[in-house]
Amino acid sequence: TRGCLGGTGFCFISAVGQVQPCGYLDLDCGN
């Protein structure tokens, strides 16, 4: 595996549908 998988093999979806690389990076990649 790779150290950081954000945006490459992992992502986070917020309670209101915002998709982010991970929960710690509040970057709006789409809803």
ModelCIF file with pLDDT and N, C-alpha, C, O atoms, coordinates in Angstrom:
data_MODEL
#
_entry.id   MODEL 
#
_entity.id                         1 
_entity.type                       polymer 
_entity.pdbx_number_of_molecules   1 
#
_entity_poly.entity_id                      1 
_entity_poly.type                           'polypeptide(L)' 
_entity_poly.nstd_linkage                   no 
_entity_poly.nstd_monomer                   no 
_entity_poly.pdbx_seq_one_letter_code       TRGCLGGTGFCFISAVGQVQPCGYLDLDCGN 
_entity_poly.pdbx_seq_one_letter_code_can   TRGCLGGTGFCFISAVGQVQPCGYLDLDCGN 
_entity_poly.pdbx_strand_id                 A 
#
loop_
_entity_poly_seq.entity_id 
_entity_poly_seq.num 
_entity_poly_seq.mon_id 
_entity_poly_seq.hetero 
1 1  THR n 
1 2  ARG n 
1 3  GLY n 
1 4  CYS n 
1 5  LEU n 
1 6  GLY n 
1 7  GLY n 
1 8  THR n 
1 9  GLY n 
1 10 PHE n 
1 11 CYS n 
1 12 PHE n 
1 13 ILE n 
1 14 SER n 
1 15 ALA n 
1 16 VAL n 
1 17 GLY n 
1 18 GLN n 
1 19 VAL n 
1 20 GLN n 
1 21 PRO n 
1 22 CYS n 
1 23 GLY n 
1 24 TYR n 
1 25 LEU n 
1 26 ASP n 
1 27 LEU n 
1 28 ASP n 
1 29 CYS n 
1 30 GLY n 
1 31 ASN n 
#
_struct_asym.id          A 
_struct_asym.entity_id   1 
#
loop_
_ma_qa_metric.id 
_ma_qa_metric.mode 
_ma_qa_metric.name 
_ma_qa_metric.software_group_id 
_ma_qa_metric.type 
1 global pLDDT . pLDDT 
2 local  pLDDT . pLDDT 
#
_ma_qa_metric_global.metric_id      1 
_ma_qa_metric_global.metric_value   94.84 
_ma_qa_metric_global.model_id       1 
_ma_qa_metric_global.ordinal_id     1 
#
loop_
_ma_qa_metric_local.label_asym_id 
_ma_qa_metric_local.label_comp_id 
_ma_qa_metric_local.label_seq_id 
_ma_qa_metric_local.metric_id 
_ma_qa_metric_local.metric_value 
_ma_qa_metric_local.model_id 
_ma_qa_metric_local.ordinal_id 
A THR 1  2 89.00 1 1  
A ARG 2  2 88.00 1 2  
A GLY 3  2 91.00 1 3  
A CYS 4  2 91.00 1 4  
A LEU 5  2 93.00 1 5  
A GLY 6  2 95.00 1 6  
A GLY 7  2 96.00 1 7  
A THR 8  2 95.00 1 8  
A GLY 9  2 96.00 1 9  
A PHE 10 2 96.00 1 10 
A CYS 11 2 98.00 1 11 
A PHE 12 2 97.00 1 12 
A ILE 13 2 98.00 1 13 
A SER 14 2 96.00 1 14 
A ALA 15 2 96.00 1 15 
A VAL 16 2 96.00 1 16 
A GLY 17 2 98.00 1 17 
A GLN 18 2 97.00 1 18 
A VAL 19 2 98.00 1 19 
A GLN 20 2 97.00 1 20 
A PRO 21 2 96.00 1 21 
A CYS 22 2 93.00 1 22 
A GLY 23 2 91.00 1 23 
A TYR 24 2 89.00 1 24 
A LEU 25 2 92.00 1 25 
A ASP 26 2 92.00 1 26 
A LEU 27 2 95.00 1 27 
A ASP 28 2 97.00 1 28 
A CYS 29 2 98.00 1 29 
A GLY 30 2 98.00 1 30 
A ASN 31 2 98.00 1 31 
#
loop_
_atom_site.group_PDB 
_atom_site.id 
_atom_site.type_symbol 
_atom_site.label_atom_id 
_atom_site.label_alt_id 
_atom_site.label_comp_id 
_atom_site.label_asym_id 
_atom_site.label_entity_id 
_atom_site.label_seq_id 
_atom_site.pdbx_PDB_ins_code 
_atom_site.Cartn_x 
_atom_site.Cartn_y 
_atom_site.Cartn_z 
_atom_site.occupancy 
_atom_site.B_iso_or_equiv 
_atom_site.pdbx_formal_charge 
_atom_site.auth_seq_id 
_atom_site.auth_comp_id 
_atom_site.auth_asym_id 
_atom_site.auth_atom_id 
_atom_site.pdbx_PDB_model_num 
ATOM 1   N N  . THR A 1 1  ? 0.829   -1.196 0.000  1.00 89.00 ? 1  THR A N  1 
ATOM 2   C CA . THR A 1 1  ? 0.000   0.000  0.000  1.00 89.00 ? 1  THR A CA 1 
ATOM 3   C C  . THR A 1 1  ? 0.867   1.250  0.000  1.00 89.00 ? 1  THR A C  1 
ATOM 4   O O  . THR A 1 1  ? 2.094   1.168  0.052  1.00 89.00 ? 1  THR A O  1 
ATOM 5   N N  . ARG A 1 2  ? 0.225   2.392  -0.058 1.00 88.00 ? 2  ARG A N  1 
ATOM 6   C CA . ARG A 1 2  ? 0.886   3.691  -0.088 1.00 88.00 ? 2  ARG A CA 1 
ATOM 7   C C  . ARG A 1 2  ? 0.547   4.430  1.194  1.00 88.00 ? 2  ARG A C  1 
ATOM 8   O O  . ARG A 1 2  ? -0.496  4.186  1.800  1.00 88.00 ? 2  ARG A O  1 
ATOM 9   N N  . GLY A 1 3  ? 1.419   5.323  1.603  1.00 91.00 ? 3  GLY A N  1 
ATOM 10  C CA . GLY A 1 3  ? 1.171   6.056  2.834  1.00 91.00 ? 3  GLY A CA 1 
ATOM 11  C C  . GLY A 1 3  ? -0.117  6.849  2.818  1.00 91.00 ? 3  GLY A C  1 
ATOM 12  O O  . GLY A 1 3  ? -0.989  6.620  3.656  1.00 91.00 ? 3  GLY A O  1 
ATOM 13  N N  . CYS A 1 4  ? -0.257  7.766  1.893  1.00 91.00 ? 4  CYS A N  1 
ATOM 14  C CA . CYS A 1 4  ? -1.480  8.562  1.777  1.00 91.00 ? 4  CYS A CA 1 
ATOM 15  C C  . CYS A 1 4  ? -2.288  8.056  0.598  1.00 91.00 ? 4  CYS A C  1 
ATOM 16  O O  . CYS A 1 4  ? -1.829  8.099  -0.544 1.00 91.00 ? 4  CYS A O  1 
ATOM 17  N N  . LEU A 1 5  ? -3.494  7.577  0.876  1.00 93.00 ? 5  LEU A N  1 
ATOM 18  C CA . LEU A 1 5  ? -4.373  7.065  -0.179 1.00 93.00 ? 5  LEU A CA 1 
ATOM 19  C C  . LEU A 1 5  ? -5.456  8.069  -0.571 1.00 93.00 ? 5  LEU A C  1 
ATOM 20  O O  . LEU A 1 5  ? -6.294  7.779  -1.425 1.00 93.00 ? 5  LEU A O  1 
ATOM 21  N N  . GLY A 1 6  ? -5.440  9.255  0.054  1.00 95.00 ? 6  GLY A N  1 
ATOM 22  C CA . GLY A 1 6  ? -6.466  10.253 -0.230 1.00 95.00 ? 6  GLY A CA 1 
ATOM 23  C C  . GLY A 1 6  ? -6.531  10.590 -1.713 1.00 95.00 ? 6  GLY A C  1 
ATOM 24  O O  . GLY A 1 6  ? -5.548  11.048 -2.296 1.00 95.00 ? 6  GLY A O  1 
ATOM 25  N N  . GLY A 1 7  ? -7.674  10.366 -2.310 1.00 96.00 ? 7  GLY A N  1 
ATOM 26  C CA . GLY A 1 7  ? -7.867  10.684 -3.719 1.00 96.00 ? 7  GLY A CA 1 
ATOM 27  C C  . GLY A 1 7  ? -7.307  9.658  -4.680 1.00 96.00 ? 7  GLY A C  1 
ATOM 28  O O  . GLY A 1 7  ? -7.532  9.750  -5.886 1.00 96.00 ? 7  GLY A O  1 
ATOM 29  N N  . THR A 1 8  ? -6.572  8.673  -4.158 1.00 95.00 ? 8  THR A N  1 
ATOM 30  C CA . THR A 1 8  ? -5.996  7.644  -5.030 1.00 95.00 ? 8  THR A CA 1 
ATOM 31  C C  . THR A 1 8  ? -6.587  6.263  -4.753 1.00 95.00 ? 8  THR A C  1 
ATOM 32  O O  . THR A 1 8  ? -6.706  5.445  -5.665 1.00 95.00 ? 8  THR A O  1 
ATOM 33  N N  . GLY A 1 9  ? -6.959  6.000  -3.497 1.00 96.00 ? 9  GLY A N  1 
ATOM 34  C CA . GLY A 1 9  ? -7.570  4.726  -3.159 1.00 96.00 ? 9  GLY A CA 1 
ATOM 35  C C  . GLY A 1 9  ? -8.557  4.864  -2.014 1.00 96.00 ? 9  GLY A C  1 
ATOM 36  O O  . GLY A 1 9  ? -9.190  3.891  -1.604 1.00 96.00 ? 9  GLY A O  1 
ATOM 37  N N  . PHE A 1 10 ? -8.684  6.079  -1.504 1.00 96.00 ? 10 PHE A N  1 
ATOM 38  C CA . PHE A 1 10 ? -9.509  6.356  -0.327 1.00 96.00 ? 10 PHE A CA 1 
ATOM 39  C C  . PHE A 1 10 ? -10.191 7.703  -0.511 1.00 96.00 ? 10 PHE A C  1 
ATOM 40  O O  . PHE A 1 10 ? -9.627  8.616  -1.113 1.00 96.00 ? 10 PHE A O  1 
ATOM 41  N N  . CYS A 1 11 ? -11.413 7.822  0.014  1.00 98.00 ? 11 CYS A N  1 
ATOM 42  C CA . CYS A 1 11 ? -12.037 9.144  0.084  1.00 98.00 ? 11 CYS A CA 1 
ATOM 43  C C  . CYS A 1 11 ? -13.003 9.184  1.262  1.00 98.00 ? 11 CYS A C  1 
ATOM 44  O O  . CYS A 1 11 ? -13.324 8.159  1.863  1.00 98.00 ? 11 CYS A O  1 
ATOM 45  N N  . PHE A 1 12 ? -13.448 10.376 1.568  1.00 97.00 ? 12 PHE A N  1 
ATOM 46  C CA . PHE A 1 12 ? -14.337 10.646 2.694  1.00 97.00 ? 12 PHE A CA 1 
ATOM 47  C C  . PHE A 1 12 ? -15.596 11.307 2.152  1.00 97.00 ? 12 PHE A C  1 
ATOM 48  O O  . PHE A 1 12 ? -15.524 12.170 1.277  1.00 97.00 ? 12 PHE A O  1 
ATOM 49  N N  . ILE A 1 13 ? -16.752 10.898 2.675  1.00 98.00 ? 13 ILE A N  1 
ATOM 50  C CA . ILE A 1 13 ? -18.018 11.549 2.316  1.00 98.00 ? 13 ILE A CA 1 
ATOM 51  C C  . ILE A 1 13 ? -18.612 12.123 3.594  1.00 98.00 ? 13 ILE A C  1 
ATOM 52  O O  . ILE A 1 13 ? -18.847 11.398 4.560  1.00 98.00 ? 13 ILE A O  1 
ATOM 53  N N  . SER A 1 14 ? -18.851 13.427 3.590  1.00 96.00 ? 14 SER A N  1 
ATOM 54  C CA . SER A 1 14 ? -19.342 14.096 4.794  1.00 96.00 ? 14 SER A CA 1 
ATOM 55  C C  . SER A 1 14 ? -20.815 13.812 5.033  1.00 96.00 ? 14 SER A C  1 
ATOM 56  O O  . SER A 1 14 ? -21.497 13.237 4.186  1.00 96.00 ? 14 SER A O  1 
ATOM 57  N N  . ALA A 1 15 ? -21.289 14.221 6.187  1.00 96.00 ? 15 ALA A N  1 
ATOM 58  C CA . ALA A 1 15 ? -22.684 13.998 6.571  1.00 96.00 ? 15 ALA A CA 1 
ATOM 59  C C  . ALA A 1 15 ? -23.667 14.680 5.635  1.00 96.00 ? 15 ALA A C  1 
ATOM 60  O O  . ALA A 1 15 ? -24.839 14.306 5.589  1.00 96.00 ? 15 ALA A O  1 
ATOM 61  N N  . VAL A 1 16 ? -23.201 15.680 4.884  1.00 96.00 ? 16 VAL A N  1 
ATOM 62  C CA . VAL A 1 16 ? -24.092 16.372 3.945  1.00 96.00 ? 16 VAL A CA 1 
ATOM 63  C C  . VAL A 1 16 ? -23.698 16.119 2.493  1.00 96.00 ? 16 VAL A C  1 
ATOM 64  O O  . VAL A 1 16 ? -24.153 16.818 1.588  1.00 96.00 ? 16 VAL A O  1 
ATOM 65  N N  . GLY A 1 17 ? -22.837 15.102 2.273  1.00 98.00 ? 17 GLY A N  1 
ATOM 66  C CA . GLY A 1 17 ? -22.568 14.661 0.908  1.00 98.00 ? 17 GLY A CA 1 
ATOM 67  C C  . GLY A 1 17 ? -21.341 15.224 0.233  1.00 98.00 ? 17 GLY A C  1 
ATOM 68  O O  . GLY A 1 17 ? -21.093 14.922 -0.935 1.00 98.00 ? 17 GLY A O  1 
ATOM 69  N N  . GLN A 1 18 ? -20.551 16.049 0.944  1.00 97.00 ? 18 GLN A N  1 
ATOM 70  C CA . GLN A 1 18 ? -19.330 16.573 0.331  1.00 97.00 ? 18 GLN A CA 1 
ATOM 71  C C  . GLN A 1 18 ? -18.272 15.482 0.290  1.00 97.00 ? 18 GLN A C  1 
ATOM 72  O O  . GLN A 1 18 ? -17.998 14.835 1.301  1.00 97.00 ? 18 GLN A O  1 
ATOM 73  N N  . VAL A 1 19 ? -17.678 15.278 -0.879 1.00 98.00 ? 19 VAL A N  1 
ATOM 74  C CA . VAL A 1 19 ? -16.625 14.280 -1.047 1.00 98.00 ? 19 VAL A CA 1 
ATOM 75  C C  . VAL A 1 19 ? -15.275 14.964 -0.865 1.00 98.00 ? 19 VAL A C  1 
ATOM 76  O O  . VAL A 1 19 ? -15.018 16.014 -1.454 1.00 98.00 ? 19 VAL A O  1 
ATOM 77  N N  . GLN A 1 20 ? -14.415 14.364 -0.046 1.00 97.00 ? 20 GLN A N  1 
ATOM 78  C CA . GLN A 1 20 ? -13.101 14.926 0.275  1.00 97.00 ? 20 GLN A CA 1 
ATOM 79  C C  . GLN A 1 20 ? -12.041 13.837 0.151  1.00 97.00 ? 20 GLN A C  1 
ATOM 80  O O  . GLN A 1 20 ? -12.368 12.650 0.174  1.00 97.00 ? 20 GLN A O  1 
ATOM 81  N N  . PRO A 1 21 ? -10.769 14.229 0.021  1.00 96.00 ? 21 PRO A N  1 
ATOM 82  C CA . PRO A 1 21 ? -9.696  13.221 -0.005 1.00 96.00 ? 21 PRO A CA 1 
ATOM 83  C C  . PRO A 1 21 ? -9.644  12.422 1.291  1.00 96.00 ? 21 PRO A C  1 
ATOM 84  O O  . PRO A 1 21 ? -9.374  11.221 1.278  1.00 96.00 ? 21 PRO A O  1 
ATOM 85  N N  . CYS A 1 22 ? -9.906  13.101 2.418  1.00 93.00 ? 22 CYS A N  1 
ATOM 86  C CA . CYS A 1 22 ? -9.986  12.438 3.721  1.00 93.00 ? 22 CYS A CA 1 
ATOM 87  C C  . CYS A 1 22 ? -10.768 13.357 4.647  1.00 93.00 ? 22 CYS A C  1 
ATOM 88  O O  . CYS A 1 22 ? -11.096 14.487 4.283  1.00 93.00 ? 22 CYS A O  1 
ATOM 89  N N  . GLY A 1 23 ? -11.063 12.868 5.847  1.00 91.00 ? 23 GLY A N  1 
ATOM 90  C CA . GLY A 1 23 ? -11.846 13.667 6.776  1.00 91.00 ? 23 GLY A CA 1 
ATOM 91  C C  . GLY A 1 23 ? -11.114 14.891 7.294  1.00 91.00 ? 23 GLY A C  1 
ATOM 92  O O  . GLY A 1 23 ? -11.739 15.869 7.704  1.00 91.00 ? 23 GLY A O  1 
ATOM 93  N N  . TYR A 1 24 ? -9.784  14.836 7.276  1.00 89.00 ? 24 TYR A N  1 
ATOM 94  C CA . TYR A 1 24 ? -8.983  15.936 7.817  1.00 89.00 ? 24 TYR A CA 1 
ATOM 95  C C  . TYR A 1 24 ? -8.773  17.068 6.818  1.00 89.00 ? 24 TYR A C  1 
ATOM 96  O O  . TYR A 1 24 ? -8.414  18.178 7.209  1.00 89.00 ? 24 TYR A O  1 
ATOM 97  N N  . LEU A 1 25 ? -8.993  16.800 5.532  1.00 92.00 ? 25 LEU A N  1 
ATOM 98  C CA . LEU A 1 25 ? -8.771  17.816 4.508  1.00 92.00 ? 25 LEU A CA 1 
ATOM 99  C C  . LEU A 1 25 ? -10.127 18.260 3.961  1.00 92.00 ? 25 LEU A C  1 
ATOM 100 O O  . LEU A 1 25 ? -10.724 17.589 3.120  1.00 92.00 ? 25 LEU A O  1 
ATOM 101 N N  . ASP A 1 26 ? -10.596 19.399 4.454  1.00 92.00 ? 26 ASP A N  1 
ATOM 102 C CA . ASP A 1 26 ? -11.909 19.922 4.072  1.00 92.00 ? 26 ASP A CA 1 
ATOM 103 C C  . ASP A 1 26 ? -11.813 20.576 2.700  1.00 92.00 ? 26 ASP A C  1 
ATOM 104 O O  . ASP A 1 26 ? -11.839 21.799 2.565  1.00 92.00 ? 26 ASP A O  1 
ATOM 105 N N  . LEU A 1 27 ? -11.703 19.731 1.699  1.00 95.00 ? 27 LEU A N  1 
ATOM 106 C CA . LEU A 1 27 ? -11.538 20.175 0.318  1.00 95.00 ? 27 LEU A CA 1 
ATOM 107 C C  . LEU A 1 27 ? -12.742 19.667 -0.469 1.00 95.00 ? 27 LEU A C  1 
ATOM 108 O O  . LEU A 1 27 ? -12.953 18.459 -0.568 1.00 95.00 ? 27 LEU A O  1 
ATOM 109 N N  . ASP A 1 28 ? -13.522 20.571 -1.022 1.00 97.00 ? 28 ASP A N  1 
ATOM 110 C CA . ASP A 1 28 ? -14.751 20.195 -1.726 1.00 97.00 ? 28 ASP A CA 1 
ATOM 111 C C  . ASP A 1 28 ? -14.417 19.649 -3.108 1.00 97.00 ? 28 ASP A C  1 
ATOM 112 O O  . ASP A 1 28 ? -14.101 20.402 -4.030 1.00 97.00 ? 28 ASP A O  1 
ATOM 113 N N  . CYS A 1 29 ? -14.491 18.334 -3.234 1.00 98.00 ? 29 CYS A N  1 
ATOM 114 C CA . CYS A 1 29 ? -14.197 17.683 -4.507 1.00 98.00 ? 29 CYS A CA 1 
ATOM 115 C C  . CYS A 1 29 ? -15.467 17.347 -5.276 1.00 98.00 ? 29 CYS A C  1 
ATOM 116 O O  . CYS A 1 29 ? -15.419 16.688 -6.314 1.00 98.00 ? 29 CYS A O  1 
ATOM 117 N N  . GLY A 1 30 ? -16.592 17.800 -4.764 1.00 98.00 ? 30 GLY A N  1 
ATOM 118 C CA . GLY A 1 30 ? -17.881 17.531 -5.381 1.00 98.00 ? 30 GLY A CA 1 
ATOM 119 C C  . GLY A 1 30 ? -18.862 17.069 -4.324 1.00 98.00 ? 30 GLY A C  1 
ATOM 120 O O  . GLY A 1 30 ? -18.461 16.596 -3.260 1.00 98.00 ? 30 GLY A O  1 
ATOM 121 N N  . ASN A 1 31 ? -20.155 17.205 -4.614 1.00 98.00 ? 31 ASN A N  1 
ATOM 122 C CA . ASN A 1 31 ? -21.180 16.774 -3.669 1.00 98.00 ? 31 ASN A CA 1 
ATOM 123 C C  . ASN A 1 31 ? -22.077 15.743 -4.337 1.00 98.00 ? 31 ASN A C  1 
ATOM 124 O O  . ASN A 1 31 ? -23.014 15.244 -3.714 1.00 98.00 ? 31 ASN A O  1 
#
